[in-house]
Amino acid sequence: MDGIEESLERLAARLSDIAADMDDLGFEHLREAAAGGDAAHLAVERRLLRARRAVARAVAALRADDTAAAGPISP
């Protein structure tokens, strides 16, 4: 793996850790919403979910190689 690929993988790994933190926080807000019925917790969880999906897309983009980005090859 060359220098740029190693840098991209390190960024992807950091973003994966951030995504895991977002998941934990989202689950915490869901539990609180279920326990107390507070709609504000659900709103926060929805925001976290949208952000989590964006981070997951960024991780996938960083880890994609040039052949995968070109799409599938037809037989």
N, C-alpha and C. Protein backbone atom coordinates (compact mmCIF):
# COMPACT_ATOMS: atom_id res chain seq x y z
N MET A 1 0.87 -1.17 0.00
CA MET A 1 0.00 0.00 0.00
C MET A 1 0.91 1.23 0.00
N ASP A 2 0.68 2.15 -0.92
CA ASP A 2 1.52 3.34 -0.96
C ASP A 2 1.04 4.39 0.03
N GLY A 3 1.75 5.49 0.11
CA GLY A 3 1.47 6.52 1.12
C GLY A 3 0.07 7.07 1.07
N ILE A 4 -0.42 7.39 -0.11
CA ILE A 4 -1.75 7.98 -0.21
C ILE A 4 -2.83 6.96 0.17
N GLU A 5 -2.65 5.72 -0.25
CA GLU A 5 -3.62 4.68 0.12
C GLU A 5 -3.63 4.45 1.62
N GLU A 6 -2.47 4.49 2.25
CA GLU A 6 -2.41 4.34 3.71
C GLU A 6 -3.10 5.51 4.40
N SER A 7 -2.90 6.71 3.87
CA SER A 7 -3.57 7.89 4.44
C SER A 7 -5.08 7.79 4.31
N LEU A 8 -5.53 7.35 3.14
CA LEU A 8 -6.98 7.19 2.94
C LEU A 8 -7.55 6.14 3.87
N GLU A 9 -6.83 5.05 4.07
CA GLU A 9 -7.30 4.00 4.97
C GLU A 9 -7.34 4.50 6.42
N ARG A 10 -6.35 5.29 6.82
CA ARG A 10 -6.38 5.85 8.18
C ARG A 10 -7.59 6.76 8.36
N LEU A 11 -7.88 7.59 7.35
CA LEU A 11 -9.07 8.44 7.42
C LEU A 11 -10.34 7.60 7.50
N ALA A 12 -10.41 6.57 6.69
CA ALA A 12 -11.58 5.69 6.70
C ALA A 12 -11.75 5.04 8.07
N ALA A 13 -10.66 4.62 8.67
CA ALA A 13 -10.72 3.99 9.99
C ALA A 13 -11.20 4.99 11.05
N ARG A 14 -10.71 6.21 10.98
CA ARG A 14 -11.16 7.24 11.93
C ARG A 14 -12.64 7.52 11.75
N LEU A 15 -13.08 7.61 10.49
CA LEU A 15 -14.51 7.85 10.24
C LEU A 15 -15.35 6.67 10.73
N SER A 16 -14.84 5.46 10.59
CA SER A 16 -15.57 4.28 11.09
C SER A 16 -15.75 4.36 12.60
N ASP A 17 -14.71 4.82 13.30
CA ASP A 17 -14.81 4.99 14.75
C ASP A 17 -15.86 6.05 15.10
N ILE A 18 -15.87 7.13 14.34
CA ILE A 18 -16.86 8.19 14.56
C ILE A 18 -18.27 7.65 14.32
N ALA A 19 -18.43 6.85 13.27
CA ALA A 19 -19.74 6.25 12.98
C ALA A 19 -20.20 5.37 14.13
N ALA A 20 -19.27 4.62 14.71
CA ALA A 20 -19.63 3.77 15.86
C ALA A 20 -20.07 4.63 17.04
N ASP A 21 -19.38 5.75 17.27
CA ASP A 21 -19.79 6.67 18.33
C ASP A 21 -21.19 7.22 18.07
N MET A 22 -21.47 7.54 16.81
CA MET A 22 -22.80 8.03 16.44
C MET A 22 -23.86 6.97 16.70
N ASP A 23 -23.55 5.73 16.38
CA ASP A 23 -24.48 4.63 16.65
C ASP A 23 -24.79 4.55 18.14
N ASP A 24 -23.75 4.59 18.96
CA ASP A 24 -23.94 4.50 20.41
C ASP A 24 -24.82 5.64 20.92
N LEU A 25 -24.55 6.84 20.46
CA LEU A 25 -25.33 7.99 20.89
C LEU A 25 -26.77 7.88 20.40
N GLY A 26 -26.95 7.41 19.17
CA GLY A 26 -28.30 7.24 18.63
C GLY A 26 -29.10 6.23 19.43
N PHE A 27 -28.45 5.10 19.79
CA PHE A 27 -29.15 4.09 20.59
C PHE A 27 -29.50 4.63 21.97
N GLU A 28 -28.62 5.43 22.52
CA GLU A 28 -28.89 6.04 23.82
C GLU A 28 -30.14 6.93 23.75
N HIS A 29 -30.24 7.72 22.69
CA HIS A 29 -31.40 8.60 22.54
C HIS A 29 -32.67 7.79 22.28
N LEU A 30 -32.57 6.69 21.55
CA LEU A 30 -33.74 5.84 21.34
C LEU A 30 -34.22 5.24 22.66
N ARG A 31 -33.28 4.77 23.48
CA ARG A 31 -33.66 4.22 24.79
C ARG A 31 -34.35 5.28 25.65
N GLU A 32 -33.79 6.49 25.65
CA GLU A 32 -34.39 7.57 26.45
C GLU A 32 -35.77 7.94 25.92
N ALA A 33 -35.92 7.94 24.61
CA ALA A 33 -37.23 8.25 24.03
C ALA A 33 -38.25 7.18 24.40
N ALA A 34 -37.82 5.92 24.36
CA ALA A 34 -38.73 4.82 24.70
C ALA A 34 -39.10 4.86 26.18
N ALA A 35 -38.17 5.24 27.03
CA ALA A 35 -38.42 5.28 28.47
C ALA A 35 -39.32 6.46 28.85
N GLY A 36 -39.08 7.61 28.21
CA GLY A 36 -39.82 8.79 28.64
C GLY A 36 -40.78 9.34 27.61
N GLY A 37 -40.78 8.79 26.43
CA GLY A 37 -41.69 9.26 25.40
C GLY A 37 -41.37 10.66 24.89
N ASP A 38 -40.14 11.09 25.05
CA ASP A 38 -39.75 12.44 24.63
C ASP A 38 -39.45 12.47 23.14
N ALA A 39 -40.22 13.24 22.39
CA ALA A 39 -40.04 13.32 20.94
C ALA A 39 -38.71 13.98 20.56
N ALA A 40 -38.16 14.80 21.44
CA ALA A 40 -36.88 15.45 21.15
C ALA A 40 -35.77 14.41 20.99
N HIS A 41 -35.83 13.35 21.76
CA HIS A 41 -34.82 12.29 21.64
C HIS A 41 -34.93 11.61 20.28
N LEU A 42 -36.14 11.41 19.81
CA LEU A 42 -36.31 10.81 18.49
C LEU A 42 -35.77 11.71 17.39
N ALA A 43 -35.96 13.01 17.53
CA ALA A 43 -35.45 13.95 16.53
C ALA A 43 -33.93 13.92 16.48
N VAL A 44 -33.31 13.85 17.65
CA VAL A 44 -31.85 13.77 17.70
C VAL A 44 -31.37 12.47 17.06
N GLU A 45 -32.06 11.38 17.34
CA GLU A 45 -31.67 10.09 16.76
C GLU A 45 -31.77 10.13 15.24
N ARG A 46 -32.81 10.78 14.72
CA ARG A 46 -32.95 10.89 13.26
C ARG A 46 -31.81 11.70 12.66
N ARG A 47 -31.42 12.78 13.33
CA ARG A 47 -30.27 13.57 12.85
C ARG A 47 -29.00 12.73 12.85
N LEU A 48 -28.80 11.99 13.92
CA LEU A 48 -27.62 11.14 14.01
C LEU A 48 -27.63 10.07 12.91
N LEU A 49 -28.80 9.53 12.63
CA LEU A 49 -28.90 8.51 11.59
C LEU A 49 -28.52 9.07 10.22
N ARG A 50 -29.01 10.27 9.91
CA ARG A 50 -28.65 10.90 8.63
C ARG A 50 -27.14 11.15 8.56
N ALA A 51 -26.58 11.65 9.64
CA ALA A 51 -25.14 11.91 9.67
C ALA A 51 -24.36 10.60 9.58
N ARG A 52 -24.84 9.57 10.25
CA ARG A 52 -24.18 8.27 10.23
C ARG A 52 -24.14 7.70 8.82
N ARG A 53 -25.23 7.84 8.10
CA ARG A 53 -25.26 7.36 6.71
C ARG A 53 -24.27 8.12 5.84
N ALA A 54 -24.17 9.42 6.05
CA ALA A 54 -23.21 10.23 5.28
C ALA A 54 -21.78 9.79 5.58
N VAL A 55 -21.50 9.52 6.84
CA VAL A 55 -20.15 9.05 7.21
C VAL A 55 -19.88 7.68 6.59
N ALA A 56 -20.88 6.81 6.58
CA ALA A 56 -20.71 5.49 5.96
C ALA A 56 -20.42 5.62 4.47
N ARG A 57 -21.07 6.56 3.80
CA ARG A 57 -20.78 6.79 2.38
C ARG A 57 -19.36 7.30 2.19
N ALA A 58 -18.90 8.16 3.09
CA ALA A 58 -17.53 8.67 3.00
C ALA A 58 -16.52 7.55 3.20
N VAL A 59 -16.78 6.67 4.15
CA VAL A 59 -15.89 5.52 4.38
C VAL A 59 -15.83 4.66 3.13
N ALA A 60 -16.98 4.37 2.55
CA ALA A 60 -17.01 3.54 1.34
C ALA A 60 -16.26 4.21 0.20
N ALA A 61 -16.40 5.52 0.07
CA ALA A 61 -15.69 6.23 -1.00
C ALA A 61 -14.19 6.19 -0.79
N LEU A 62 -13.75 6.33 0.45
CA LEU A 62 -12.32 6.29 0.74
C LEU A 62 -11.73 4.91 0.52
N ARG A 63 -12.51 3.90 0.75
CA ARG A 63 -12.01 2.53 0.63
C ARG A 63 -12.22 1.93 -0.76
N ALA A 64 -12.94 2.63 -1.63
CA ALA A 64 -13.20 2.12 -2.98
C ALA A 64 -11.92 2.18 -3.80
N ASP A 65 -11.73 1.14 -4.60
CA ASP A 65 -10.61 1.19 -5.53
C ASP A 65 -11.13 1.62 -6.89
N ASP A 66 -10.23 1.93 -7.80
CA ASP A 66 -10.62 2.46 -9.10
C ASP A 66 -11.48 1.48 -9.89
N THR A 67 -11.24 0.20 -9.77
CA THR A 67 -12.02 -0.78 -10.53
C THR A 67 -13.44 -0.86 -10.01
N ALA A 68 -13.63 -0.74 -8.71
CA ALA A 68 -14.98 -0.79 -8.13
C ALA A 68 -15.77 0.45 -8.52
N ALA A 69 -15.09 1.59 -8.62
CA ALA A 69 -15.76 2.84 -8.95
C ALA A 69 -16.28 2.83 -10.39
N ALA A 70 -15.66 2.01 -11.24
CA ALA A 70 -16.07 1.96 -12.64
C ALA A 70 -17.36 1.19 -12.84
N GLY A 71 -17.78 0.44 -11.83
CA GLY A 71 -19.01 -0.33 -11.93
C GLY A 71 -18.73 -1.76 -12.37
N PRO A 72 -19.77 -2.58 -12.38
CA PRO A 72 -19.58 -3.99 -12.75
C PRO A 72 -19.24 -4.14 -14.22
N ILE A 73 -18.52 -5.19 -14.51
CA ILE A 73 -18.16 -5.51 -15.87
C ILE A 73 -19.16 -6.51 -16.42
N SER A 74 -19.75 -6.18 -17.56
CA SER A 74 -20.73 -7.08 -18.17
C SER A 74 -20.03 -8.24 -18.85
N PRO A 75 -20.63 -9.45 -18.77
CA PRO A 75 -20.01 -10.62 -19.43
C PRO A 75 -20.09 -10.54 -20.93
